[in-house]
Amino acid sequence: GRDLYSRVVYGARASLAGAFLAVAVAVVVGSAL
């Protein structure tokens, strides 16, 4: 019974934060190497 639109909206934080963290790790590690 949870509102799916609200879950999609709040899910953007986890999805985008995870993506930005992944790219940040890739840039730092890859650039150093």
Full PDB file with SEQRES, HELIX, SHEET, SSBOND, CRYST1, ORIGX, SCALE, CONECT and MASTER records, all heavy atoms in Angstrom:
SEQRES   1 A   33  GLY ARG ASP LEU TYR SER ARG VAL VAL TYR GLY ALA ARG          
SEQRES   2 A   33  ALA SER LEU ALA GLY ALA PHE LEU ALA VAL ALA VAL ALA          
SEQRES   3 A   33  VAL VAL VAL GLY SER ALA LEU                                  
HELIX    1 AA1 LEU A    4  ALA A   32  1                                  29    
CRYST1    1.000    1.000    1.000  90.00  90.00  90.00 P 1           1          
ORIGX1      1.000000  0.000000  0.000000        0.00000                         
ORIGX2      0.000000  1.000000  0.000000        0.00000                         
ORIGX3      0.000000  0.000000  1.000000        0.00000                         
SCALE1      1.000000  0.000000  0.000000        0.00000                         
SCALE2      0.000000  1.000000  0.000000        0.00000                         
SCALE3      0.000000  0.000000  1.000000        0.00000                         
ATOM      1  N   GLY A   1       0.788  -1.218   0.000  1.00  0.00           N  
ATOM      2  CA  GLY A   1       0.000   0.000   0.000  1.00  0.00           C  
ATOM      3  C   GLY A   1       0.823   1.272   0.000  1.00  0.00           C  
ATOM      4  O   GLY A   1       0.276   2.361   0.231  1.00  0.00           O  
ATOM      5  N   ARG A   2       2.101   1.177  -0.275  1.00  0.00           N  
ATOM      6  CA  ARG A   2       2.954   2.368  -0.313  1.00  0.00           C  
ATOM      7  C   ARG A   2       2.818   3.066  -1.668  1.00  0.00           C  
ATOM      8  O   ARG A   2       2.740   2.403  -2.707  1.00  0.00           O  
ATOM      9  CB  ARG A   2       4.413   1.979  -0.061  1.00  0.00           C  
ATOM     10  CG  ARG A   2       4.654   1.410   1.314  1.00  0.00           C  
ATOM     11  CD  ARG A   2       6.051   0.848   1.471  1.00  0.00           C  
ATOM     12  NE  ARG A   2       6.290  -0.293   0.584  1.00  0.00           N  
ATOM     13  CZ  ARG A   2       7.321  -1.120   0.695  1.00  0.00           C  
ATOM     14  NH1 ARG A   2       8.229  -0.918   1.654  1.00  0.00           N  
ATOM     15  NH2 ARG A   2       7.470  -2.119  -0.146  1.00  0.00           N  
ATOM     16  N   ASP A   3       2.782   4.383  -1.633  1.00  0.00           N  
ATOM     17  CA  ASP A   3       2.650   5.162  -2.863  1.00  0.00           C  
ATOM     18  C   ASP A   3       3.889   4.979  -3.730  1.00  0.00           C  
ATOM     19  O   ASP A   3       5.010   5.316  -3.314  1.00  0.00           O  
ATOM     20  CB  ASP A   3       2.457   6.642  -2.513  1.00  0.00           C  
ATOM     21  CG  ASP A   3       2.280   7.501  -3.752  1.00  0.00           C  
ATOM     22  OD1 ASP A   3       1.210   7.422  -4.382  1.00  0.00           O  
ATOM     23  OD2 ASP A   3       3.216   8.240  -4.079  1.00  0.00           O  
ATOM     24  N   LEU A   4       3.710   4.461  -4.941  1.00  0.00           N  
ATOM     25  CA  LEU A   4       4.853   4.133  -5.795  1.00  0.00           C  
ATOM     26  C   LEU A   4       5.547   5.384  -6.317  1.00  0.00           C  
ATOM     27  O   LEU A   4       6.772   5.410  -6.448  1.00  0.00           O  
ATOM     28  CB  LEU A   4       4.387   3.261  -6.966  1.00  0.00           C  
ATOM     29  CG  LEU A   4       5.496   2.748  -7.882  1.00  0.00           C  
ATOM     30  CD1 LEU A   4       6.511   1.923  -7.108  1.00  0.00           C  
ATOM     31  CD2 LEU A   4       4.907   1.929  -9.026  1.00  0.00           C  
ATOM     32  N   TYR A   5       4.787   6.432  -6.612  1.00  0.00           N  
ATOM     33  CA  TYR A   5       5.415   7.670  -7.093  1.00  0.00           C  
ATOM     34  C   TYR A   5       6.366   8.233  -6.044  1.00  0.00           C  
ATOM     35  O   TYR A   5       7.476   8.661  -6.368  1.00  0.00           O  
ATOM     36  CB  TYR A   5       4.345   8.704  -7.450  1.00  0.00           C  
ATOM     37  CG  TYR A   5       4.895  10.075  -7.732  1.00  0.00           C  
ATOM     38  CD1 TYR A   5       5.627  10.327  -8.888  1.00  0.00           C  
ATOM     39  CD2 TYR A   5       4.706  11.124  -6.822  1.00  0.00           C  
ATOM     40  CE1 TYR A   5       6.151  11.590  -9.143  1.00  0.00           C  
ATOM     41  CE2 TYR A   5       5.218  12.384  -7.073  1.00  0.00           C  
ATOM     42  CZ  TYR A   5       5.944  12.611  -8.231  1.00  0.00           C  
ATOM     43  OH  TYR A   5       6.462  13.862  -8.475  1.00  0.00           O  
ATOM     44  N   SER A   6       5.948   8.231  -4.785  1.00  0.00           N  
ATOM     45  CA  SER A   6       6.819   8.747  -3.729  1.00  0.00           C  
ATOM     46  C   SER A   6       8.068   7.882  -3.588  1.00  0.00           C  
ATOM     47  O   SER A   6       9.165   8.387  -3.317  1.00  0.00           O  
ATOM     48  CB  SER A   6       6.080   8.820  -2.394  1.00  0.00           C  
ATOM     49  OG  SER A   6       5.800   7.523  -1.887  1.00  0.00           O  
ATOM     50  N   ARG A   7       7.925   6.590  -3.804  1.00  0.00           N  
ATOM     51  CA  ARG A   7       9.088   5.707  -3.709  1.00  0.00           C  
ATOM     52  C   ARG A   7      10.048   5.937  -4.877  1.00  0.00           C  
ATOM     53  O   ARG A   7      11.264   5.856  -4.712  1.00  0.00           O  
ATOM     54  CB  ARG A   7       8.637   4.246  -3.647  1.00  0.00           C  
ATOM     55  CG  ARG A   7       7.965   3.903  -2.318  1.00  0.00           C  
ATOM     56  CD  ARG A   7       7.493   2.470  -2.227  1.00  0.00           C  
ATOM     57  NE  ARG A   7       8.571   1.495  -2.295  1.00  0.00           N  
ATOM     58  CZ  ARG A   7       9.418   1.217  -1.300  1.00  0.00           C  
ATOM     59  NH1 ARG A   7       9.317   1.873  -0.133  1.00  0.00           N  
ATOM     60  NH2 ARG A   7      10.353   0.297  -1.446  1.00  0.00           N  
ATOM     61  N   VAL A   8       9.509   6.236  -6.052  1.00  0.00           N  
ATOM     62  CA  VAL A   8      10.367   6.573  -7.192  1.00  0.00           C  
ATOM     63  C   VAL A   8      11.089   7.893  -6.933  1.00  0.00           C  
ATOM     64  O   VAL A   8      12.293   8.026  -7.208  1.00  0.00           O  
ATOM     65  CB  VAL A   8       9.539   6.649  -8.489  1.00  0.00           C  
ATOM     66  CG1 VAL A   8      10.373   7.237  -9.629  1.00  0.00           C  
ATOM     67  CG2 VAL A   8       9.036   5.271  -8.880  1.00  0.00           C  
ATOM     68  N   VAL A   9      10.361   8.862  -6.402  1.00  0.00           N  
ATOM     69  CA  VAL A   9      10.959  10.171  -6.122  1.00  0.00           C  
ATOM     70  C   VAL A   9      12.069  10.038  -5.087  1.00  0.00           C  
ATOM     71  O   VAL A   9      13.199  10.528  -5.285  1.00  0.00           O  
ATOM     72  CB  VAL A   9       9.885  11.168  -5.652  1.00  0.00           C  
ATOM     73  CG1 VAL A   9      10.541  12.446  -5.125  1.00  0.00           C  
ATOM     74  CG2 VAL A   9       8.926  11.498  -6.777  1.00  0.00           C  
ATOM     75  N   TYR A  10      11.775   9.379  -3.969  1.00  0.00           N  
ATOM     76  CA  TYR A  10      12.788   9.227  -2.926  1.00  0.00           C  
ATOM     77  C   TYR A  10      13.903   8.281  -3.361  1.00  0.00           C  
ATOM     78  O   TYR A  10      15.033   8.376  -2.865  1.00  0.00           O  
ATOM     79  CB  TYR A  10      12.141   8.713  -1.640  1.00  0.00           C  
ATOM     80  CG  TYR A  10      11.512   9.794  -0.809  1.00  0.00           C  
ATOM     81  CD1 TYR A  10      10.207  10.222  -1.048  1.00  0.00           C  
ATOM     82  CD2 TYR A  10      12.212  10.423   0.226  1.00  0.00           C  
ATOM     83  CE1 TYR A  10       9.619  11.227  -0.303  1.00  0.00           C  
ATOM     84  CE2 TYR A  10      11.633  11.424   0.989  1.00  0.00           C  
ATOM     85  CZ  TYR A  10      10.337  11.825   0.721  1.00  0.00           C  
ATOM     86  OH  TYR A  10       9.765  12.831   1.468  1.00  0.00           O  
ATOM     87  N   GLY A  11      13.600   7.388  -4.299  1.00  0.00           N  
ATOM     88  CA  GLY A  11      14.619   6.480  -4.795  1.00  0.00           C  
ATOM     89  C   GLY A  11      15.683   7.164  -5.623  1.00  0.00           C  
ATOM     90  O   GLY A  11      16.774   6.620  -5.810  1.00  0.00           O  
ATOM     91  N   ALA A  12      15.379   8.358  -6.134  1.00  0.00           N  
ATOM     92  CA  ALA A  12      16.368   9.090  -6.922  1.00  0.00           C  
ATOM     93  C   ALA A  12      17.610   9.395  -6.090  1.00  0.00           C  
ATOM     94  O   ALA A  12      18.736   9.388  -6.615  1.00  0.00           O  
ATOM     95  CB  ALA A  12      15.756  10.392  -7.449  1.00  0.00           C  
ATOM     96  N   ARG A  13      17.433   9.646  -4.811  1.00  0.00           N  
ATOM     97  CA  ARG A  13      18.588   9.975  -3.961  1.00  0.00           C  
ATOM     98  C   ARG A  13      19.555   8.804  -3.897  1.00  0.00           C  
ATOM     99  O   ARG A  13      20.766   8.974  -4.079  1.00  0.00           O  
ATOM    100  CB  ARG A  13      18.111  10.351  -2.556  1.00  0.00           C  
ATOM    101  CG  ARG A  13      19.227  10.646  -1.579  1.00  0.00           C  
ATOM    102  CD  ARG A  13      18.682  11.134  -0.258  1.00  0.00           C  
ATOM    103  NE  ARG A  13      17.989  12.406  -0.412  1.00  0.00           N  
ATOM    104  CZ  ARG A  13      17.327  13.010   0.574  1.00  0.00           C  
ATOM    105  NH1 ARG A  13      17.275  12.455   1.778  1.00  0.00           N  
ATOM    106  NH2 ARG A  13      16.721  14.160   0.349  1.00  0.00           N  
ATOM    107  N   ALA A  14      19.040   7.601  -3.649  1.00  0.00           N  
ATOM    108  CA  ALA A  14      19.908   6.435  -3.552  1.00  0.00           C  
ATOM    109  C   ALA A  14      20.551   6.112  -4.892  1.00  0.00           C  
ATOM    110  O   ALA A  14      21.763   5.856  -4.975  1.00  0.00           O  
ATOM    111  CB  ALA A  14      19.103   5.233  -3.041  1.00  0.00           C  
ATOM    112  N   SER A  15      19.759   6.135  -5.959  1.00  0.00           N  
ATOM    113  CA  SER A  15      20.277   5.760  -7.274  1.00  0.00           C  
ATOM    114  C   SER A  15      21.332   6.742  -7.762  1.00  0.00           C  
ATOM    115  O   SER A  15      22.406   6.338  -8.246  1.00  0.00           O  
ATOM    116  CB  SER A  15      19.126   5.672  -8.282  1.00  0.00           C  
ATOM    117  OG  SER A  15      18.222   4.648  -7.922  1.00  0.00           O  
ATOM    118  N   LEU A  16      21.056   8.033  -7.672  1.00  0.00           N  
ATOM    119  CA  LEU A  16      22.000   9.034  -8.164  1.00  0.00           C  
ATOM    120  C   LEU A  16      23.214   9.153  -7.247  1.00  0.00           C  
ATOM    121  O   LEU A  16      24.344   9.306  -7.739  1.00  0.00           O  
ATOM    122  CB  LEU A  16      21.308  10.380  -8.314  1.00  0.00           C  
ATOM    123  CG  LEU A  16      20.176  10.433  -9.347  1.00  0.00           C  
ATOM    124  CD1 LEU A  16      19.614  11.848  -9.447  1.00  0.00           C  
ATOM    125  CD2 LEU A  16      20.650   9.968 -10.706  1.00  0.00           C  
ATOM    126  N   ALA A  17      22.993   9.070  -5.953  1.00  0.00           N  
ATOM    127  CA  ALA A  17      24.132   9.138  -5.026  1.00  0.00           C  
ATOM    128  C   ALA A  17      25.064   7.951  -5.249  1.00  0.00           C  
ATOM    129  O   ALA A  17      26.295   8.102  -5.237  1.00  0.00           O  
ATOM    130  CB  ALA A  17      23.634   9.157  -3.582  1.00  0.00           C  
ATOM    131  N   GLY A  18      24.477   6.775  -5.454  1.00  0.00           N  
ATOM    132  CA  GLY A  18      25.303   5.604  -5.737  1.00  0.00           C  
ATOM    133  C   GLY A  18      26.088   5.765  -7.029  1.00  0.00           C  
ATOM    134  O   GLY A  18      27.259   5.398  -7.103  1.00  0.00           O  
ATOM    135  N   ALA A  19      25.436   6.309  -8.063  1.00  0.00           N  
ATOM    136  CA  ALA A  19      26.109   6.511  -9.349  1.00  0.00           C  
ATOM    137  C   ALA A  19      27.246   7.521  -9.218  1.00  0.00           C  
ATOM    138  O   ALA A  19      28.355   7.306  -9.745  1.00  0.00           O  
ATOM    139  CB  ALA A  19      25.104   6.971 -10.395  1.00  0.00           C  
ATOM    140  N   PHE A  20      26.998   8.630  -8.524  1.00  0.00           N  
ATOM    141  CA  PHE A  20      28.043   9.648  -8.362  1.00  0.00           C  
ATOM    142  C   PHE A  20      29.204   9.120  -7.518  1.00  0.00           C  
ATOM    143  O   PHE A  20      30.374   9.428  -7.790  1.00  0.00           O  
ATOM    144  CB  PHE A  20      27.465  10.903  -7.724  1.00  0.00           C  
ATOM    145  CG  PHE A  20      26.582  11.691  -8.643  1.00  0.00           C  
ATOM    146  CD1 PHE A  20      25.387  12.221  -8.202  1.00  0.00           C  
ATOM    147  CD2 PHE A  20      26.937  11.894  -9.966  1.00  0.00           C  
ATOM    148  CE1 PHE A  20      24.558  12.949  -9.057  1.00  0.00           C  
ATOM    149  CE2 PHE A  20      26.126  12.620 -10.831  1.00  0.00           C  
ATOM    150  CZ  PHE A  20      24.939  13.142 -10.371  1.00  0.00           C  
ATOM    151  N   LEU A  21      28.889   8.313  -6.491  1.00  0.00           N  
ATOM    152  CA  LEU A  21      29.952   7.714  -5.684  1.00  0.00           C  
ATOM    153  C   LEU A  21      30.790   6.770  -6.531  1.00  0.00           C  
ATOM    154  O   LEU A  21      32.029   6.770  -6.441  1.00  0.00           O  
ATOM    155  CB  LEU A  21      29.347   6.970  -4.491  1.00  0.00           C  
ATOM    156  CG  LEU A  21      30.337   6.181  -3.627  1.00  0.00           C  
ATOM    157  CD1 LEU A  21      31.399   7.095  -3.036  1.00  0.00           C  
ATOM    158  CD2 LEU A  21      29.594   5.427  -2.516  1.00  0.00           C  
ATOM    159  N   ALA A  22      30.136   5.970  -7.354  1.00  0.00           N  
ATOM    160  CA  ALA A  22      30.860   5.039  -8.222  1.00  0.00           C  
ATOM    161  C   ALA A  22      31.787   5.774  -9.176  1.00  0.00           C  
ATOM    162  O   ALA A  22      32.960   5.388  -9.355  1.00  0.00           O  
ATOM    163  CB  ALA A  22      29.861   4.179  -9.007  1.00  0.00           C  
ATOM    164  N   VAL A  23      31.294   6.838  -9.794  1.00  0.00           N  
ATOM    165  CA  VAL A  23      32.117   7.605 -10.735  1.00  0.00           C  
ATOM    166  C   VAL A  23      33.260   8.302 -10.000  1.00  0.00           C  
ATOM    167  O   VAL A  23      34.379   8.379 -10.514  1.00  0.00           O  
ATOM    168  CB  VAL A  23      31.252   8.616 -11.502  1.00  0.00           C  
ATOM    169  CG1 VAL A  23      32.119   9.540 -12.357  1.00  0.00           C  
ATOM    170  CG2 VAL A  23      30.249   7.888 -12.390  1.00  0.00           C  
ATOM    171  N   ALA A  24      32.986   8.806  -8.798  1.00  0.00           N  
ATOM    172  CA  ALA A  24      34.050   9.455  -8.020  1.00  0.00           C  
ATOM    173  C   ALA A  24      35.169   8.468  -7.701  1.00  0.00           C  
ATOM    174  O   ALA A  24      36.358   8.803  -7.817  1.00  0.00           O  
ATOM    175  CB  ALA A  24      33.470  10.041  -6.733  1.00  0.00           C  
ATOM    176  N   VAL A  25      34.805   7.254  -7.297  1.00  0.00           N  
ATOM    177  CA  VAL A  25      35.814   6.220  -7.025  1.00  0.00           C  
ATOM    178  C   VAL A  25      36.594   5.905  -8.295  1.00  0.00           C  
ATOM    179  O   VAL A  25      37.831   5.794  -8.271  1.00  0.00           O  
ATOM    180  CB  VAL A  25      35.140   4.947  -6.473  1.00  0.00           C  
ATOM    181  CG1 VAL A  25      36.140   3.791  -6.413  1.00  0.00           C  
ATOM    182  CG2 VAL A  25      34.557   5.211  -5.094  1.00  0.00           C  
ATOM    183  N   ALA A  26      35.883   5.776  -9.421  1.00  0.00           N  
ATOM    184  CA  ALA A  26      36.543   5.467 -10.692  1.00  0.00           C  
ATOM    185  C   ALA A  26      37.515   6.574 -11.092  1.00  0.00           C  
ATOM    186  O   ALA A  26      38.634   6.296 -11.552  1.00  0.00           O  
ATOM    187  CB  ALA A  26      35.497   5.254 -11.785  1.00  0.00           C  
ATOM    188  N   VAL A  27      37.101   7.830 -10.935  1.00  0.00           N  
ATOM    189  CA  VAL A  27      37.959   8.956 -11.321  1.00  0.00           C  
ATOM    190  C   VAL A  27      39.200   9.023 -10.439  1.00  0.00           C  
ATOM    191  O   VAL A  27      40.327   9.164 -10.942  1.00  0.00           O  
ATOM    192  CB  VAL A  27      37.174  10.280 -11.239  1.00  0.00           C  
ATOM    193  CG1 VAL A  27      38.119  11.469 -11.394  1.00  0.00           C  
ATOM    194  CG2 VAL A  27      36.101  10.331 -12.316  1.00  0.00           C  
ATOM    195  N   VAL A  28      39.023   8.893  -9.132  1.00  0.00           N  
ATOM    196  CA  VAL A  28      40.157   9.014  -8.211  1.00  0.00           C  
ATOM    197  C   VAL A  28      41.151   7.875  -8.413  1.00  0.00           C  
ATOM    198  O   VAL A  28      42.357   8.094  -8.597  1.00  0.00           O  
ATOM    199  CB  VAL A  28      39.660   9.053  -6.753  1.00  0.00           C  
ATOM    200  CG1 VAL A  28      40.837   8.979  -5.784  1.00  0.00           C  
ATOM    201  CG2 VAL A  28      38.867  10.325  -6.498  1.00  0.00           C  
ATOM    202  N   VAL A  29      40.646   6.646  -8.386  1.00  0.00           N  
ATOM    203  CA  VAL A  29      41.536   5.488  -8.517  1.00  0.00           C  
ATOM    204  C   VAL A  29      42.162   5.438  -9.907  1.00  0.00           C  
ATOM    205  O   VAL A  29      43.377   5.249 -10.063  1.00  0.00           O  
ATOM    206  CB  VAL A  29      40.772   4.181  -8.228  1.00  0.00           C  
ATOM    207  CG1 VAL A  29      41.660   2.961  -8.487  1.00  0.00           C  
ATOM    208  CG2 VAL A  29      40.276   4.170  -6.790  1.00  0.00           C  
ATOM    209  N   GLY A  30      41.332   5.605 -10.939  1.00  0.00           N  
ATOM    210  CA  GLY A  30      41.840   5.540 -12.306  1.00  0.00           C  
ATOM    211  C   GLY A  30      42.820   6.652 -12.617  1.00  0.00           C  
ATOM    212  O   GLY A  30      43.847   6.426 -13.270  1.00  0.00           O  
ATOM    213  N   SER A  31      42.522   7.866 -12.155  1.00  0.00           N  
ATOM    214  CA  SER A  31      43.426   8.988 -12.419  1.00  0.00           C  
ATOM    215  C   SER A  31      44.772   8.793 -11.730  1.00  0.00           C  
ATOM    216  O   SER A  31      45.829   9.095 -12.300  1.00  0.00           O  
ATOM    217  CB  SER A  31      42.785  10.296 -11.952  1.00  0.00           C  
ATOM    218  OG  SER A  31      41.600  10.566 -12.681  1.00  0.00           O  
ATOM    219  N   ALA A  32      44.746   8.290 -10.502  1.00  0.00           N  
ATOM    220  CA  ALA A  32      45.995   8.059  -9.777  1.00  0.00           C  
ATOM    221  C   ALA A  32      46.855   7.013 -10.489  1.00  0.00           C  
ATOM    222  O   ALA A  32      48.061   7.213 -10.691  1.00  0.00           O  
ATOM    223  CB  ALA A  32      45.694   7.614  -8.347  1.00  0.00           C  
ATOM    224  N   LEU A  33      46.232   5.910 -10.888  1.00  0.00           N  
ATOM    225  CA  LEU A  33      46.980   4.858 -11.571  1.00  0.00           C  
ATOM    226  C   LEU A  33      47.490   5.335 -12.935  1.00  0.00           C  
ATOM    227  O   LEU A  33      48.638   5.071 -13.310  1.00  0.00           O  
ATOM    228  CB  LEU A  33      46.101   3.619 -11.739  1.00  0.00           C  
ATOM    229  CG  LEU A  33      45.711   2.885 -10.452  1.00  0.00           C  
ATOM    230  CD1 LEU A  33      44.754   1.746 -10.762  1.00  0.00           C  
ATOM    231  CD2 LEU A  33      46.950   2.357  -9.735  1.00  0.00           C  
TER     232      LEU A  33                                                      
MASTER        0    0    0    1    0    0    0    6  231    1    0    3          
END                                                                             
